[in-house]
């Protein structure tokens, strides 16, 4: 009980292109998938409204690109998707407008996720607009998803306490008895736990993790939330990340040993799992294990390992005391070291 209180701009062809996108574009390590997002937010391309079924299909295709870590293709598709979703919402009324607002909110969620991964300030604008559109949808699940990306943006700017406050407040308003809202609530608790950990609040971080763990043990797993699942594996990954942030990575070794990353459903989530495991080993001074985790990230999602945070980890390992076979070639290949 105590823990409870802690609390046509984008054409159909474009959507099809996202679904069929491969990883060939990952061969350009210096490319920034989020480069066009700022202009897309402030000077969107012209677009016409489309039927809700088509808008839903386009949003789903963009989500698949994110979950597959095809970030270059996602970055190319998002400007048109945002413009089309906004035009569709603006032209609709009543229930159709609410549904279009939900799709627009999720397009902004993807924009904020991609911008955050690339350390772009566009994440702030996208996350704020996501929450506004989500509230207009009148549906709690998009509101929770948008609150999560806004809190991530807050945390990245150093406002971890505000992030925790937003997340726990939104979590408290979600119905814990309904499966999908309960699952979203769990993801908010996990993000709040990691946010608290980045601020050094150990008691809050661990209590929020424990509450999220209680939730996933009490409720059936709900796959298919928009960008992250509410599962035991996700709880374990967030626990490893929080322990890293709190400066006690040794406590995460046992958690990592019991985690089967291969059972996680998407490339993006598996890559994130290996990232946190790599950070754990790096903090413990094990260069070989760190590099092994980085290689797993690359195998799962070649574009993920080229993100700024992963290139920084690679560079830090490269210039550290350990000499790891194959690391220099990996650093060149992923853009952490000039050829």
C-alpha atoms as a PDB file:
ATOM      1  CA  UNK A   1       0.000   0.000   0.000  1.00  0.00           C
ATOM      2  CA  UNK A   2       2.835   2.421   0.739  1.00  0.00           C
ATOM      3  CA  UNK A   3       4.232   1.918  -2.765  1.00  0.00           C
ATOM      4  CA  UNK A   4       0.826   2.622  -4.290  1.00  0.00           C
ATOM      5  CA  UNK A   5       1.045   6.141  -2.896  1.00  0.00           C
ATOM      6  CA  UNK A   6       4.312   6.834  -4.742  1.00  0.00           C
ATOM      7  CA  UNK A   7       2.613   7.304  -7.148  1.00  0.00           C
ATOM      8  CA  UNK A   8      -2.196  13.160 -48.661  1.00  0.00           C
ATOM      9  CA  UNK A   9       1.141  13.920 -47.248  1.00  0.00           C
ATOM     10  CA  UNK A  10       2.047  10.314 -46.468  1.00  0.00           C
ATOM     11  CA  UNK A  11       0.653   7.958 -49.098  1.00  0.00           C
ATOM     12  CA  UNK A  12      -0.271   4.334 -48.698  1.00  0.00           C
ATOM     13  CA  UNK A  13       2.824   3.535 -50.730  1.00  0.00           C
ATOM     14  CA  UNK A  14       4.882   5.280 -48.093  1.00  0.00           C
ATOM     15  CA  UNK A  15       3.418   3.068 -45.410  1.00  0.00           C
ATOM     16  CA  UNK A  16       4.173  -0.001 -47.490  1.00  0.00           C
ATOM     17  CA  UNK A  17       7.731   1.180 -47.936  1.00  0.00           C
ATOM     18  CA  UNK A  18       8.191   1.289 -44.184  1.00  0.00           C
ATOM     19  CA  UNK A  19       6.895  -2.234 -43.757  1.00  0.00           C
ATOM     20  CA  UNK A  20       9.320  -3.573 -46.313  1.00  0.00           C
ATOM     21  CA  UNK A  21      12.281  -1.496 -45.222  1.00  0.00           C
ATOM     22  CA  UNK A  22      15.501  -3.360 -44.644  1.00  0.00           C
ATOM     23  CA  UNK A  23      18.721  -2.427 -42.911  1.00  0.00           C
ATOM     24  CA  UNK A  24      20.699  -1.306 -45.932  1.00  0.00           C
ATOM     25  CA  UNK A  25      20.516   2.307 -44.804  1.00  0.00           C
ATOM     26  CA  UNK A  26      22.404   1.318 -41.665  1.00  0.00           C
ATOM     27  CA  UNK A  27      25.552   1.361 -43.775  1.00  0.00           C
ATOM     28  CA  UNK A  28      25.869   5.123 -43.344  1.00  0.00           C
ATOM     29  CA  UNK A  29      27.032   5.520 -39.727  1.00  0.00           C
ATOM     30  CA  UNK A  30      27.210   9.336 -39.908  1.00  0.00           C
ATOM     31  CA  UNK A  31      23.564   9.692 -40.963  1.00  0.00           C
ATOM     32  CA  UNK A  32      21.113  11.153 -38.443  1.00  0.00           C
ATOM     33  CA  UNK A  33      17.646   9.578 -38.762  1.00  0.00           C
ATOM     34  CA  UNK A  34      16.157  12.480 -36.788  1.00  0.00           C
ATOM     35  CA  UNK A  35      17.687  15.206 -38.966  1.00  0.00           C
ATOM     36  CA  UNK A  36      14.415  16.175 -40.621  1.00  0.00           C
ATOM     37  CA  UNK A  37      12.171  16.048 -37.570  1.00  0.00           C
ATOM     38  CA  UNK A  38      12.607  19.628 -36.435  1.00  0.00           C
ATOM     39  CA  UNK A  39      11.524  21.039 -39.787  1.00  0.00           C
ATOM     40  CA  UNK A  40       8.678  18.532 -39.921  1.00  0.00           C
ATOM     41  CA  UNK A  41       7.401  19.841 -36.585  1.00  0.00           C
ATOM     42  CA  UNK A  42       7.620  23.536 -37.412  1.00  0.00           C
ATOM     43  CA  UNK A  43       7.174  23.500 -41.199  1.00  0.00           C
ATOM     44  CA  UNK A  44       5.226  20.343 -42.007  1.00  0.00           C
ATOM     45  CA  UNK A  45       4.692  19.370 -45.633  1.00  0.00           C
ATOM     46  CA  UNK A  46       1.326  19.951 -47.253  1.00  0.00           C
ATOM     47  CA  UNK A  47      -1.081  17.079 -46.736  1.00  0.00           C
ATOM     48  CA  UNK A  48      -4.683  16.114 -47.303  1.00  0.00           C
ATOM     49  CA  UNK A  49      -6.923  14.173 -44.921  1.00  0.00           C
ATOM     50  CA  UNK A  50      -7.213  10.441 -45.521  1.00  0.00           C
ATOM     51  CA  UNK A  51      -9.679   7.780 -44.331  1.00  0.00           C
ATOM     52  CA  UNK A  52      -9.107   6.670 -40.762  1.00  0.00           C
ATOM     53  CA  UNK A  53      -8.398   3.126 -41.893  1.00  0.00           C
ATOM     54  CA  UNK A  54      -5.519   4.354 -44.052  1.00  0.00           C
ATOM     55  CA  UNK A  55      -4.189   6.630 -41.311  1.00  0.00           C
ATOM     56  CA  UNK A  56      -4.295   3.725 -38.864  1.00  0.00           C
ATOM     57  CA  UNK A  57      -2.400   1.538 -41.336  1.00  0.00           C
ATOM     58  CA  UNK A  58       0.268   4.210 -41.867  1.00  0.00           C
ATOM     59  CA  UNK A  59       0.709   4.665 -38.119  1.00  0.00           C
ATOM     60  CA  UNK A  60       0.998   0.913 -37.646  1.00  0.00           C
ATOM     61  CA  UNK A  61       3.640   0.734 -40.397  1.00  0.00           C
ATOM     62  CA  UNK A  62       5.669   3.477 -38.706  1.00  0.00           C
ATOM     63  CA  UNK A  63       5.398   1.615 -35.422  1.00  0.00           C
ATOM     64  CA  UNK A  64       6.727  -1.546 -37.069  1.00  0.00           C
ATOM     65  CA  UNK A  65       9.697   0.424 -38.388  1.00  0.00           C
ATOM     66  CA  UNK A  66      10.449   1.670 -34.870  1.00  0.00           C
ATOM     67  CA  UNK A  67      10.119  -1.750 -33.290  1.00  0.00           C
ATOM     68  CA  UNK A  68      12.433  -3.186 -35.962  1.00  0.00           C
ATOM     69  CA  UNK A  69      14.929  -0.359 -35.277  1.00  0.00           C
ATOM     70  CA  UNK A  70      14.760   0.841 -38.894  1.00  0.00           C
ATOM     71  CA  UNK A  71      15.318   4.415 -37.779  1.00  0.00           C
ATOM     72  CA  UNK A  72      16.379   5.906 -41.101  1.00  0.00           C
ATOM     73  CA  UNK A  73      13.200   4.695 -42.792  1.00  0.00           C
ATOM     74  CA  UNK A  74      11.138   5.893 -39.838  1.00  0.00           C
ATOM     75  CA  UNK A  75      12.736   9.341 -39.952  1.00  0.00           C
ATOM     76  CA  UNK A  76      11.926   9.618 -43.637  1.00  0.00           C
ATOM     77  CA  UNK A  77       8.305   8.578 -43.130  1.00  0.00           C
ATOM     78  CA  UNK A  78       7.429  10.630 -40.053  1.00  0.00           C
ATOM     79  CA  UNK A  79       7.123  14.111 -41.663  1.00  0.00           C
ATOM     80  CA  UNK A  80       4.450  12.900 -44.062  1.00  0.00           C
ATOM     81  CA  UNK A  81       2.716  10.848 -41.390  1.00  0.00           C
ATOM     82  CA  UNK A  82       2.568  13.785 -38.980  1.00  0.00           C
ATOM     83  CA  UNK A  83       1.189  16.091 -41.672  1.00  0.00           C
ATOM     84  CA  UNK A  84      -1.411  13.567 -42.831  1.00  0.00           C
ATOM     85  CA  UNK A  85      -2.527  12.748 -39.293  1.00  0.00           C
ATOM     86  CA  UNK A  86      -2.895  16.451 -38.453  1.00  0.00           C
ATOM     87  CA  UNK A  87      -4.863  17.135 -41.644  1.00  0.00           C
ATOM     88  CA  UNK A  88      -7.136  14.170 -40.967  1.00  0.00           C
ATOM     89  CA  UNK A  89      -7.733  15.258 -37.378  1.00  0.00           C
ATOM     90  CA  UNK A  90      -8.438  18.859 -38.398  1.00  0.00           C
ATOM     91  CA  UNK A  91     -10.981  17.787 -41.008  1.00  0.00           C
ATOM     92  CA  UNK A  92     -12.859  15.399 -38.720  1.00  0.00           C
ATOM     93  CA  UNK A  93     -15.538  15.918 -36.100  1.00  0.00           C
ATOM     94  CA  UNK A  94     -16.976  13.943 -33.217  1.00  0.00           C
ATOM     95  CA  UNK A  95     -15.748  10.396 -32.681  1.00  0.00           C
ATOM     96  CA  UNK A  96     -13.751  10.442 -35.916  1.00  0.00           C
ATOM     97  CA  UNK A  97     -11.809  13.444 -34.662  1.00  0.00           C
ATOM     98  CA  UNK A  98     -11.031  11.655 -31.400  1.00  0.00           C
ATOM     99  CA  UNK A  99      -9.766   8.618 -33.302  1.00  0.00           C
ATOM    100  CA  UNK A 100      -7.627  10.774 -35.580  1.00  0.00           C
ATOM    101  CA  UNK A 101      -6.259  12.555 -32.517  1.00  0.00           C
ATOM    102  CA  UNK A 102      -5.223   9.191 -31.102  1.00  0.00           C
ATOM    103  CA  UNK A 103      -3.366   8.353 -34.313  1.00  0.00           C
ATOM    104  CA  UNK A 104      -1.733  11.788 -34.342  1.00  0.00           C
ATOM    105  CA  UNK A 105      -0.663  11.328 -30.710  1.00  0.00           C
ATOM    106  CA  UNK A 106       1.015   8.053 -31.584  1.00  0.00           C
ATOM    107  CA  UNK A 107       2.777   9.610 -34.573  1.00  0.00           C
ATOM    108  CA  UNK A 108       4.147  12.244 -32.198  1.00  0.00           C
ATOM    109  CA  UNK A 109       5.122   9.515 -29.716  1.00  0.00           C
ATOM    110  CA  UNK A 110       7.216   7.848 -32.413  1.00  0.00           C
ATOM    111  CA  UNK A 111       8.724  11.222 -33.297  1.00  0.00           C
ATOM    112  CA  UNK A 112       9.673  11.845 -29.669  1.00  0.00           C
ATOM    113  CA  UNK A 113      11.105   8.339 -29.311  1.00  0.00           C
ATOM    114  CA  UNK A 114      13.281   8.734 -32.408  1.00  0.00           C
ATOM    115  CA  UNK A 115      14.383  12.247 -31.448  1.00  0.00           C
ATOM    116  CA  UNK A 116      15.312  11.091 -27.941  1.00  0.00           C
ATOM    117  CA  UNK A 117      17.385   8.232 -29.314  1.00  0.00           C
ATOM    118  CA  UNK A 118      19.311  10.712 -31.447  1.00  0.00           C
ATOM    119  CA  UNK A 119      19.624  13.300 -28.622  1.00  0.00           C
ATOM    120  CA  UNK A 120      17.583  15.823 -30.614  1.00  0.00           C
ATOM    121  CA  UNK A 121      15.775  18.692 -28.906  1.00  0.00           C
ATOM    122  CA  UNK A 122      12.860  18.016 -31.246  1.00  0.00           C
ATOM    123  CA  UNK A 123      11.826  15.445 -28.631  1.00  0.00           C
ATOM    124  CA  UNK A 124      10.489  18.225 -26.402  1.00  0.00           C
ATOM    125  CA  UNK A 125       8.105  19.583 -29.032  1.00  0.00           C
ATOM    126  CA  UNK A 126       7.010  16.143 -30.219  1.00  0.00           C
ATOM    127  CA  UNK A 127       6.325  14.871 -26.700  1.00  0.00           C
ATOM    128  CA  UNK A 128       4.333  17.965 -25.741  1.00  0.00           C
ATOM    129  CA  UNK A 129       2.227  17.719 -28.889  1.00  0.00           C
ATOM    130  CA  UNK A 130       1.761  14.000 -28.313  1.00  0.00           C
ATOM    131  CA  UNK A 131       0.216  14.629 -24.918  1.00  0.00           C
ATOM    132  CA  UNK A 132      -2.062  17.389 -26.239  1.00  0.00           C
ATOM    133  CA  UNK A 133      -3.333  15.155 -29.049  1.00  0.00           C
ATOM    134  CA  UNK A 134      -3.685  12.192 -26.696  1.00  0.00           C
ATOM    135  CA  UNK A 135      -5.843  14.164 -24.303  1.00  0.00           C
ATOM    136  CA  UNK A 136      -8.041  15.237 -27.219  1.00  0.00           C
ATOM    137  CA  UNK A 137      -8.510  11.557 -28.120  1.00  0.00           C
ATOM    138  CA  UNK A 138     -10.296  10.990 -24.822  1.00  0.00           C
ATOM    139  CA  UNK A 139      -8.592   7.585 -24.481  1.00  0.00           C
ATOM    140  CA  UNK A 140      -6.384   6.768 -21.484  1.00  0.00           C
ATOM    141  CA  UNK A 141      -3.907   4.497 -23.277  1.00  0.00           C
ATOM    142  CA  UNK A 142      -2.541   7.172 -25.681  1.00  0.00           C
ATOM    143  CA  UNK A 143      -2.419   9.619 -22.761  1.00  0.00           C
ATOM    144  CA  UNK A 144      -0.235   7.216 -20.821  1.00  0.00           C
ATOM    145  CA  UNK A 145       2.007   6.557 -23.827  1.00  0.00           C
ATOM    146  CA  UNK A 146       2.442  10.282 -24.453  1.00  0.00           C
ATOM    147  CA  UNK A 147       3.109  10.991 -20.775  1.00  0.00           C
ATOM    148  CA  UNK A 148       5.880   8.412 -20.863  1.00  0.00           C
ATOM    149  CA  UNK A 149       7.772  10.043 -23.751  1.00  0.00           C
ATOM    150  CA  UNK A 150       7.330  13.503 -22.234  1.00  0.00           C
ATOM    151  CA  UNK A 151       8.798  12.220 -18.965  1.00  0.00           C
ATOM    152  CA  UNK A 152      11.741  10.687 -20.835  1.00  0.00           C
ATOM    153  CA  UNK A 153      12.414  14.094 -22.359  1.00  0.00           C
ATOM    154  CA  UNK A 154      12.227  15.714 -18.921  1.00  0.00           C
ATOM    155  CA  UNK A 155      14.649  13.174 -17.490  1.00  0.00           C
ATOM    156  CA  UNK A 156      17.141  13.647 -20.298  1.00  0.00           C
ATOM    157  CA  UNK A 157      17.184  17.386 -19.586  1.00  0.00           C
ATOM    158  CA  UNK A 158      17.941  16.766 -15.905  1.00  0.00           C
ATOM    159  CA  UNK A 159      14.388  17.244 -14.599  1.00  0.00           C
ATOM    160  CA  UNK A 160      14.123  13.738 -13.197  1.00  0.00           C
ATOM    161  CA  UNK A 161      11.975  14.765 -10.223  1.00  0.00           C
ATOM    162  CA  UNK A 162       9.387  16.392 -12.499  1.00  0.00           C
ATOM    163  CA  UNK A 163       9.432  13.255 -14.654  1.00  0.00           C
ATOM    164  CA  UNK A 164       8.726  11.024 -11.653  1.00  0.00           C
ATOM    165  CA  UNK A 165       5.917  13.319 -10.525  1.00  0.00           C
ATOM    166  CA  UNK A 166       4.267  13.313 -13.956  1.00  0.00           C
ATOM    167  CA  UNK A 167       4.524   9.555 -14.342  1.00  0.00           C
ATOM    168  CA  UNK A 168       3.259   8.597 -10.896  1.00  0.00           C
ATOM    169  CA  UNK A 169       0.378  11.062 -11.177  1.00  0.00           C
ATOM    170  CA  UNK A 170      -0.658   9.669 -14.559  1.00  0.00           C
ATOM    171  CA  UNK A 171      -0.215   6.091 -13.333  1.00  0.00           C
ATOM    172  CA  UNK A 172      -2.513   6.758 -10.387  1.00  0.00           C
ATOM    173  CA  UNK A 173      -5.265   7.880 -12.775  1.00  0.00           C
ATOM    174  CA  UNK A 174      -5.194   4.713 -14.885  1.00  0.00           C
ATOM    175  CA  UNK A 175      -7.577   1.853 -14.207  1.00  0.00           C
ATOM    176  CA  UNK A 176      -5.492  -0.976 -12.769  1.00  0.00           C
ATOM    177  CA  UNK A 177      -8.361  -3.440 -13.283  1.00  0.00           C
ATOM    178  CA  UNK A 178      -8.472  -3.148 -17.100  1.00  0.00           C
ATOM    179  CA  UNK A 179      -5.691  -5.092 -18.825  1.00  0.00           C
ATOM    180  CA  UNK A 180      -4.425  -2.519 -21.331  1.00  0.00           C
ATOM    181  CA  UNK A 181      -4.576   0.493 -19.019  1.00  0.00           C
ATOM    182  CA  UNK A 182      -2.977  -1.589 -16.273  1.00  0.00           C
ATOM    183  CA  UNK A 183      -0.179  -2.487 -18.692  1.00  0.00           C
ATOM    184  CA  UNK A 184       0.379   1.156 -19.594  1.00  0.00           C
ATOM    185  CA  UNK A 185       0.392   1.956 -15.890  1.00  0.00           C
ATOM    186  CA  UNK A 186       3.182  -0.588 -15.400  1.00  0.00           C
ATOM    187  CA  UNK A 187       5.292   1.008 -18.136  1.00  0.00           C
ATOM    188  CA  UNK A 188       4.850   4.387 -16.447  1.00  0.00           C
ATOM    189  CA  UNK A 189       6.050   2.946 -13.149  1.00  0.00           C
ATOM    190  CA  UNK A 190       9.103   1.463 -14.867  1.00  0.00           C
ATOM    191  CA  UNK A 191      10.015   4.752 -16.527  1.00  0.00           C
ATOM    192  CA  UNK A 192       9.439   6.548 -13.224  1.00  0.00           C
ATOM    193  CA  UNK A 193      11.746   4.086 -11.472  1.00  0.00           C
ATOM    194  CA  UNK A 194      14.549   4.681 -13.958  1.00  0.00           C
ATOM    195  CA  UNK A 195      13.989   8.444 -13.747  1.00  0.00           C
ATOM    196  CA  UNK A 196      14.258   8.332  -9.959  1.00  0.00           C
ATOM    197  CA  UNK A 197      17.420   6.257 -10.243  1.00  0.00           C
ATOM    198  CA  UNK A 198      19.069   8.823 -12.536  1.00  0.00           C
ATOM    199  CA  UNK A 199      18.425  11.377  -9.798  1.00  0.00           C
ATOM    200  CA  UNK A 200      19.963   9.144  -7.134  1.00  0.00           C
ATOM    201  CA  UNK A 201      16.683   8.472  -5.306  1.00  0.00           C
ATOM    202  CA  UNK A 202      17.337   4.826  -4.468  1.00  0.00           C
ATOM    203  CA  UNK A 203      14.327   4.232  -2.231  1.00  0.00           C
ATOM    204  CA  UNK A 204      11.828   5.609  -4.750  1.00  0.00           C
ATOM    205  CA  UNK A 205      13.464   3.791  -7.682  1.00  0.00           C
ATOM    206  CA  UNK A 206      13.445   0.399  -5.971  1.00  0.00           C
ATOM    207  CA  UNK A 207       9.930   0.843  -4.607  1.00  0.00           C
ATOM    208  CA  UNK A 208       8.580   1.725  -8.047  1.00  0.00           C
ATOM    209  CA  UNK A 209      10.364  -1.268  -9.579  1.00  0.00           C
ATOM    210  CA  UNK A 210       8.888  -3.553  -6.934  1.00  0.00           C
ATOM    211  CA  UNK A 211       5.413  -2.170  -7.604  1.00  0.00           C
ATOM    212  CA  UNK A 212       5.791  -2.728 -11.337  1.00  0.00           C
ATOM    213  CA  UNK A 213       6.978  -6.272 -10.639  1.00  0.00           C
ATOM    214  CA  UNK A 214       3.937  -6.916  -8.462  1.00  0.00           C
ATOM    215  CA  UNK A 215       1.726  -5.692 -11.294  1.00  0.00           C
ATOM    216  CA  UNK A 216       3.186  -8.014 -13.945  1.00  0.00           C
ATOM    217  CA  UNK A 217       2.970 -10.974 -11.572  1.00  0.00           C
ATOM    218  CA  UNK A 218      -0.642 -10.157 -10.730  1.00  0.00           C
ATOM    219  CA  UNK A 219      -1.861  -9.438 -14.258  1.00  0.00           C
ATOM    220  CA  UNK A 220      -1.524 -11.346 -17.533  1.00  0.00           C
ATOM    221  CA  UNK A 221       1.203 -10.068 -19.826  1.00  0.00           C
ATOM    222  CA  UNK A 222      -0.146  -7.642 -22.413  1.00  0.00           C
ATOM    223  CA  UNK A 223       1.992  -7.617 -25.562  1.00  0.00           C
ATOM    224  CA  UNK A 224       1.690  -5.024 -28.257  1.00  0.00           C
ATOM    225  CA  UNK A 225       1.661  -1.738 -26.385  1.00  0.00           C
ATOM    226  CA  UNK A 226       2.825   0.979 -28.701  1.00  0.00           C
ATOM    227  CA  UNK A 227       6.573   1.078 -28.040  1.00  0.00           C
ATOM    228  CA  UNK A 228       7.199  -1.033 -24.929  1.00  0.00           C
ATOM    229  CA  UNK A 229       5.592  -4.078 -23.282  1.00  0.00           C
ATOM    230  CA  UNK A 230       4.537  -4.632 -19.687  1.00  0.00           C
ATOM    231  CA  UNK A 231       6.272  -7.946 -19.032  1.00  0.00           C
ATOM    232  CA  UNK A 232       8.585  -9.495 -16.461  1.00  0.00           C
ATOM    233  CA  UNK A 233      11.477  -9.216 -18.921  1.00  0.00           C
ATOM    234  CA  UNK A 234      10.891  -5.468 -19.196  1.00  0.00           C
ATOM    235  CA  UNK A 235      10.876  -5.159 -15.410  1.00  0.00           C
ATOM    236  CA  UNK A 236      14.227  -6.952 -15.279  1.00  0.00           C
ATOM    237  CA  UNK A 237      15.748  -4.714 -17.958  1.00  0.00           C
ATOM    238  CA  UNK A 238      14.569  -1.573 -16.180  1.00  0.00           C
ATOM    239  CA  UNK A 239      15.934  -2.944 -12.920  1.00  0.00           C
ATOM    240  CA  UNK A 240      19.365  -3.443 -14.503  1.00  0.00           C
ATOM    241  CA  UNK A 241      19.248   0.077 -15.925  1.00  0.00           C
ATOM    242  CA  UNK A 242      18.165   1.569 -12.609  1.00  0.00           C
ATOM    243  CA  UNK A 243      20.893  -0.276 -10.700  1.00  0.00           C
ATOM    244  CA  UNK A 244      23.430   1.034 -13.222  1.00  0.00           C
ATOM    245  CA  UNK A 245      22.158   4.570 -12.723  1.00  0.00           C
ATOM    246  CA  UNK A 246      22.274   4.200  -8.941  1.00  0.00           C
ATOM    247  CA  UNK A 247      25.936   3.162  -9.097  1.00  0.00           C
ATOM    248  CA  UNK A 248      25.359  -0.409  -7.902  1.00  0.00           C
ATOM    249  CA  UNK A 249      25.684  -2.390 -11.156  1.00  0.00           C
ATOM    250  CA  UNK A 250      26.926  -5.494  -9.333  1.00  0.00           C
ATOM    251  CA  UNK A 251      23.374  -6.013  -8.077  1.00  0.00           C
ATOM    252  CA  UNK A 252      22.241  -6.362 -11.680  1.00  0.00           C
ATOM    253  CA  UNK A 253      24.479  -9.312 -12.551  1.00  0.00           C
ATOM    254  CA  UNK A 254      22.111 -11.890 -11.084  1.00  0.00           C
ATOM    255  CA  UNK A 255      19.150 -10.221 -12.789  1.00  0.00           C
ATOM    256  CA  UNK A 256      20.950 -10.305 -16.144  1.00  0.00           C
ATOM    257  CA  UNK A 257      21.883 -13.979 -15.656  1.00  0.00           C
ATOM    258  CA  UNK A 258      18.227 -14.920 -15.393  1.00  0.00           C
ATOM    259  CA  UNK A 259      17.116 -12.895 -18.416  1.00  0.00           C
ATOM    260  CA  UNK A 260      16.503 -14.517 -21.800  1.00  0.00           C
ATOM    261  CA  UNK A 261      16.825 -11.588 -24.176  1.00  0.00           C
ATOM    262  CA  UNK A 262      15.918 -13.766 -27.162  1.00  0.00           C
ATOM    263  CA  UNK A 263      12.382 -14.096 -25.848  1.00  0.00           C
ATOM    264  CA  UNK A 264      11.796 -10.352 -26.064  1.00  0.00           C
ATOM    265  CA  UNK A 265       9.476  -9.565 -28.984  1.00  0.00           C
ATOM    266  CA  UNK A 266      11.170  -6.775 -30.957  1.00  0.00           C
ATOM    267  CA  UNK A 267      14.606  -5.857 -32.234  1.00  0.00           C
ATOM    268  CA  UNK A 268      14.431  -2.455 -30.567  1.00  0.00           C
ATOM    269  CA  UNK A 269      13.692  -3.934 -27.135  1.00  0.00           C
ATOM    270  CA  UNK A 270      16.304  -6.679 -27.465  1.00  0.00           C
ATOM    271  CA  UNK A 271      18.882  -4.077 -28.474  1.00  0.00           C
ATOM    272  CA  UNK A 272      17.926  -1.969 -25.469  1.00  0.00           C
ATOM    273  CA  UNK A 273      18.326  -4.988 -23.199  1.00  0.00           C
ATOM    274  CA  UNK A 274      21.829  -5.666 -24.489  1.00  0.00           C
ATOM    275  CA  UNK A 275      22.646  -1.959 -24.135  1.00  0.00           C
ATOM    276  CA  UNK A 276      21.816  -1.960 -20.438  1.00  0.00           C
ATOM    277  CA  UNK A 277      23.683  -5.216 -19.932  1.00  0.00           C
ATOM    278  CA  UNK A 278      26.686  -3.709 -21.723  1.00  0.00           C
ATOM    279  CA  UNK A 279      26.566  -0.647 -19.505  1.00  0.00           C
ATOM    280  CA  UNK A 280      26.441  -2.906 -16.464  1.00  0.00           C
ATOM    281  CA  UNK A 281      29.592  -4.781 -17.505  1.00  0.00           C
ATOM    282  CA  UNK A 282      31.323  -1.543 -18.453  1.00  0.00           C
ATOM    283  CA  UNK A 283      30.637  -0.112 -15.002  1.00  0.00           C
ATOM    284  CA  UNK A 284      32.072  -3.303 -13.510  1.00  0.00           C
ATOM    285  CA  UNK A 285      35.241  -2.916 -15.586  1.00  0.00           C
ATOM    286  CA  UNK A 286      34.754  -5.987 -17.775  1.00  0.00           C
ATOM    287  CA  UNK A 287      35.680  -4.841 -21.270  1.00  0.00           C
ATOM    288  CA  UNK A 288      35.259  -8.237 -22.886  1.00  0.00           C
ATOM    289  CA  UNK A 289      31.699  -8.669 -21.636  1.00  0.00           C
ATOM    290  CA  UNK A 290      30.900  -5.065 -22.554  1.00  0.00           C
ATOM    291  CA  UNK A 291      32.058  -5.606 -26.120  1.00  0.00           C
ATOM    292  CA  UNK A 292      30.145  -8.886 -26.336  1.00  0.00           C
ATOM    293  CA  UNK A 293      26.968  -7.000 -25.383  1.00  0.00           C
ATOM    294  CA  UNK A 294      27.677  -4.280 -27.954  1.00  0.00           C
ATOM    295  CA  UNK A 295      28.100  -6.933 -30.615  1.00  0.00           C
ATOM    296  CA  UNK A 296      24.720  -8.340 -29.647  1.00  0.00           C
ATOM    297  CA  UNK A 297      23.196  -4.884 -30.051  1.00  0.00           C
ATOM    298  CA  UNK A 298      24.646  -4.705 -33.557  1.00  0.00           C
ATOM    299  CA  UNK A 299      23.368  -8.163 -34.432  1.00  0.00           C
ATOM    300  CA  UNK A 300      19.869  -7.290 -33.269  1.00  0.00           C
ATOM    301  CA  UNK A 301      19.648  -3.759 -34.676  1.00  0.00           C
ATOM    302  CA  UNK A 302      22.528  -2.305 -36.725  1.00  0.00           C
ATOM    303  CA  UNK A 303      21.118   1.223 -36.574  1.00  0.00           C
ATOM    304  CA  UNK A 304      20.741   1.099 -32.788  1.00  0.00           C
ATOM    305  CA  UNK A 305      24.478   0.673 -32.205  1.00  0.00           C
ATOM    306  CA  UNK A 306      25.116   3.827 -34.243  1.00  0.00           C
ATOM    307  CA  UNK A 307      23.128   6.042 -31.865  1.00  0.00           C
ATOM    308  CA  UNK A 308      25.118   8.752 -30.035  1.00  0.00           C
ATOM    309  CA  UNK A 309      24.868   6.999 -26.659  1.00  0.00           C
ATOM    310  CA  UNK A 310      26.136   3.697 -28.048  1.00  0.00           C
ATOM    311  CA  UNK A 311      28.943   5.356 -29.991  1.00  0.00           C
ATOM    312  CA  UNK A 312      29.975   7.109 -26.763  1.00  0.00           C
ATOM    313  CA  UNK A 313      30.023   3.782 -24.898  1.00  0.00           C
ATOM    314  CA  UNK A 314      32.096   2.236 -27.693  1.00  0.00           C
ATOM    315  CA  UNK A 315      34.542   5.143 -27.648  1.00  0.00           C
ATOM    316  CA  UNK A 316      34.850   4.976 -23.870  1.00  0.00           C
ATOM    317  CA  UNK A 317      35.635   1.286 -24.086  1.00  0.00           C
ATOM    318  CA  UNK A 318      38.083   1.819 -26.945  1.00  0.00           C
ATOM    319  CA  UNK A 319      40.143   4.347 -24.991  1.00  0.00           C
ATOM    320  CA  UNK A 320      39.921   2.470 -21.705  1.00  0.00           C
ATOM    321  CA  UNK A 321      42.665   0.323 -20.180  1.00  0.00           C
ATOM    322  CA  UNK A 322      41.440  -2.994 -21.609  1.00  0.00           C
ATOM    323  CA  UNK A 323      42.486  -4.190 -25.039  1.00  0.00           C
ATOM    324  CA  UNK A 324      39.617  -6.051 -26.650  1.00  0.00           C
ATOM    325  CA  UNK A 325      40.085  -7.940 -29.887  1.00  0.00           C
ATOM    326  CA  UNK A 326      37.901  -6.613 -32.711  1.00  0.00           C
ATOM    327  CA  UNK A 327      36.860  -3.467 -30.861  1.00  0.00           C
ATOM    328  CA  UNK A 328      38.697  -1.003 -33.094  1.00  0.00           C
ATOM    329  CA  UNK A 329      37.123  -2.443 -36.237  1.00  0.00           C
ATOM    330  CA  UNK A 330      33.730  -2.327 -34.540  1.00  0.00           C
ATOM    331  CA  UNK A 331      34.284   1.330 -33.593  1.00  0.00           C
ATOM    332  CA  UNK A 332      35.101   2.250 -37.192  1.00  0.00           C
ATOM    333  CA  UNK A 333      32.166   0.267 -38.531  1.00  0.00           C
ATOM    334  CA  UNK A 334      29.674   1.908 -36.191  1.00  0.00           C
ATOM    335  CA  UNK A 335      30.942   5.469 -36.495  1.00  0.00           C
ATOM    336  CA  UNK A 336      32.530   5.732 -33.038  1.00  0.00           C
ATOM    337  CA  UNK A 337      35.979   6.130 -34.642  1.00  0.00           C
ATOM    338  CA  UNK A 338      36.903   7.756 -37.927  1.00  0.00           C
ATOM    339  CA  UNK A 339      38.201   5.349 -40.523  1.00  0.00           C
END
